[in-house]
C-alpha atoms as a PDB file:
ATOM      1  CA  MET A   1    -166.960  76.704-132.778  1.00  0.00           C
ATOM      2  CA  LYS A   2    -167.232  75.489-136.370  1.00  0.00           C
ATOM      3  CA  LYS A   3    -164.136  73.328-135.957  1.00  0.00           C
ATOM      4  CA  LEU A   4    -165.571  71.763-132.812  1.00  0.00           C
ATOM      5  CA  ILE A   5    -168.808  70.877-134.599  1.00  0.00           C
ATOM      6  CA  LEU A   6    -166.835  69.508-137.535  1.00  0.00           C
ATOM      7  CA  VAL A   7    -164.743  67.292-135.234  1.00  0.00           C
ATOM      8  CA  LEU A   8    -167.855  66.001-133.449  1.00  0.00           C
ATOM      9  CA  CYS A   9    -169.514  65.157-136.772  1.00  0.00           C
ATOM     10  CA  LEU A  10    -166.374  63.387-137.942  1.00  0.00           C
ATOM     11  CA  LEU A  11    -166.192  61.292-134.764  1.00  0.00           C
ATOM     12  CA  LEU A  12    -169.867  60.425-135.021  1.00  0.00           C
ATOM     13  CA  SER A  13    -169.551  59.339-138.659  1.00  0.00           C
ATOM     14  CA  ILE A  14    -166.492  57.194-137.890  1.00  0.00           C
ATOM     15  CA  ASN A  15    -168.402  55.512-135.080  1.00  0.00           C
ATOM     16  CA  VAL A  16    -171.443  54.845-137.281  1.00  0.00           C
ATOM     17  CA  PHE A  17    -169.387  53.393-140.150  1.00  0.00           C
ATOM     18  CA  SER A  18    -167.401  51.129-137.832  1.00  0.00           C
ATOM     19  CA  GLN A  19    -170.622  49.603-136.494  1.00  0.00           C
ATOM     20  CA  ASN A  20    -171.929  48.817-140.000  1.00  0.00           C
ATOM     21  CA  LYS A  21    -168.919  46.610-140.766  1.00  0.00           C
ATOM     22  CA  ASP A  22    -170.484  43.637-138.962  1.00  0.00           C
ATOM     23  CA  LYS A  23    -173.602  43.761-141.107  1.00  0.00           C
ATOM     24  CA  CYS A  24    -171.667  43.088-144.305  1.00  0.00           C
ATOM     25  CA  VAL A  25    -171.149  39.377-143.646  1.00  0.00           C
ATOM     26  CA  LYS A  26    -174.058  36.973-143.363  1.00  0.00           C
ATOM     27  CA  ILE A  27    -173.429  33.305-142.568  1.00  0.00           C
ATOM     28  CA  SER A  28    -176.041  30.611-143.110  1.00  0.00           C
ATOM     29  CA  VAL A  29    -175.604  26.959-142.169  1.00  0.00           C
ATOM     30  CA  GLU A  30    -177.482  24.026-143.689  1.00  0.00           C
ATOM     31  CA  ARG A  31    -177.363  20.380-142.660  1.00  0.00           C
ATOM     32  CA  LEU A  32    -176.577  18.126-145.587  1.00  0.00           C
ATOM     33  CA  ASP A  33    -176.804  14.867-143.664  1.00  0.00           C
ATOM     34  CA  ASP A  34    -175.996  13.599-140.165  1.00  0.00           C
ATOM     35  CA  ALA A  35    -172.262  14.228-140.487  1.00  0.00           C
ATOM     36  CA  ARG A  36    -171.893  17.254-142.815  1.00  0.00           C
ATOM     37  CA  VAL A  37    -172.925  20.904-142.909  1.00  0.00           C
ATOM     38  CA  LYS A  38    -172.825  23.458-145.722  1.00  0.00           C
ATOM     39  CA  VAL A  39    -171.729  26.973-144.706  1.00  0.00           C
ATOM     40  CA  ILE A  40    -172.629  29.849-147.025  1.00  0.00           C
ATOM     41  CA  THR A  41    -170.860  33.152-146.328  1.00  0.00           C
ATOM     42  CA  ASP A  42    -172.351  36.170-148.096  1.00  0.00           C
ATOM     43  CA  ASN A  43    -170.151  39.271-147.906  1.00  0.00           C
ATOM     44  CA  ARG A  44    -172.312  42.102-149.163  1.00  0.00           C
ATOM     45  CA  CYS A  45    -169.571  44.732-148.921  1.00  0.00           C
ATOM     46  CA  THR A  46    -167.287  42.979-151.414  1.00  0.00           C
ATOM     47  CA  LYS A  47    -170.160  41.111-153.119  1.00  0.00           C
ATOM     48  CA  THR A  48    -168.624  37.660-152.728  1.00  0.00           C
ATOM     49  CA  ILE A  49    -170.292  34.395-151.811  1.00  0.00           C
ATOM     50  CA  THR A  50    -168.325  31.414-150.534  1.00  0.00           C
ATOM     51  CA  VAL A  51    -169.716  27.941-150.029  1.00  0.00           C
ATOM     52  CA  LYS A  52    -167.824  25.420-147.899  1.00  0.00           C
ATOM     53  CA  THR A  53    -168.714  22.026-146.500  1.00  0.00           C
ATOM     54  CA  TYR A  54    -167.456  20.840-143.150  1.00  0.00           C
ATOM     55  CA  LEU A  55    -167.841  17.780-141.057  1.00  0.00           C
ATOM     56  CA  LEU A  56    -170.204  18.521-138.195  1.00  0.00           C
ATOM     57  CA  TYR A  57    -167.453  17.916-135.647  1.00  0.00           C
ATOM     58  CA  ASP A  58    -165.114  20.380-137.396  1.00  0.00           C
ATOM     59  CA  TRP A  59    -167.810  23.051-137.662  1.00  0.00           C
ATOM     60  CA  ILE A  60    -168.575  22.814-133.933  1.00  0.00           C
ATOM     61  CA  LYS A  61    -164.851  23.127-133.256  1.00  0.00           C
ATOM     62  CA  ILE A  62    -164.598  26.259-135.451  1.00  0.00           C
ATOM     63  CA  GLN A  63    -167.555  27.851-133.685  1.00  0.00           C
ATOM     64  CA  ALA A  64    -166.030  27.159-130.275  1.00  0.00           C
ATOM     65  CA  GLN A  65    -162.747  28.772-131.337  1.00  0.00           C
ATOM     66  CA  GLU A  66    -164.550  31.874-132.604  1.00  0.00           C
ATOM     67  CA  LYS A  67    -166.534  32.114-129.378  1.00  0.00           C
ATOM     68  CA  ARG A  68    -163.339  31.915-127.299  1.00  0.00           C
ATOM     69  CA  LYS A  69    -161.758  34.588-129.496  1.00  0.00           C
ATOM     70  CA  ARG A  70    -164.737  36.948-129.051  1.00  0.00           C
ATOM     71  CA  GLU A  71    -164.813  36.416-125.289  1.00  0.00           C
ATOM     72  CA  LYS A  72    -161.090  37.100-125.079  1.00  0.00           C
ATOM     73  CA  GLU A  73    -161.451  40.319-127.082  1.00  0.00           C
ATOM     74  CA  LEU A  74    -164.329  41.454-124.883  1.00  0.00           C
ATOM     75  CA  SER A  75    -162.459  40.738-121.677  1.00  0.00           C
ATOM     76  CA  ASN A  76    -159.359  42.567-122.974  1.00  0.00           C
ATOM     77  CA  GLY A  77    -161.499  45.516-124.015  1.00  0.00           C
ATOM     78  CA  LYS A  78    -163.012  45.902-120.542  1.00  0.00           C
ATOM     79  CA  ARG A  79    -159.593  46.076-118.921  1.00  0.00           C
ATOM     80  CA  LYS A  80    -158.399  48.973-121.080  1.00  0.00           C
END
């Protein structure tokens, strides 16, 4: 019985820690002018901050690629 409780606690803790991974990274976007954006990525787990500037067209393209990637992962996850 003790081993069963220990295994359940272990599975629960693994599940909780895997969900907190997404909260480590915070992305903020600022418009510099009509054609450029500044993207600030704050990774609180590794305590790093990166600042990049993109053309607006390129940033929209990056967001679209990430959205397609997420949708593909979700659709593959439902099939399994």
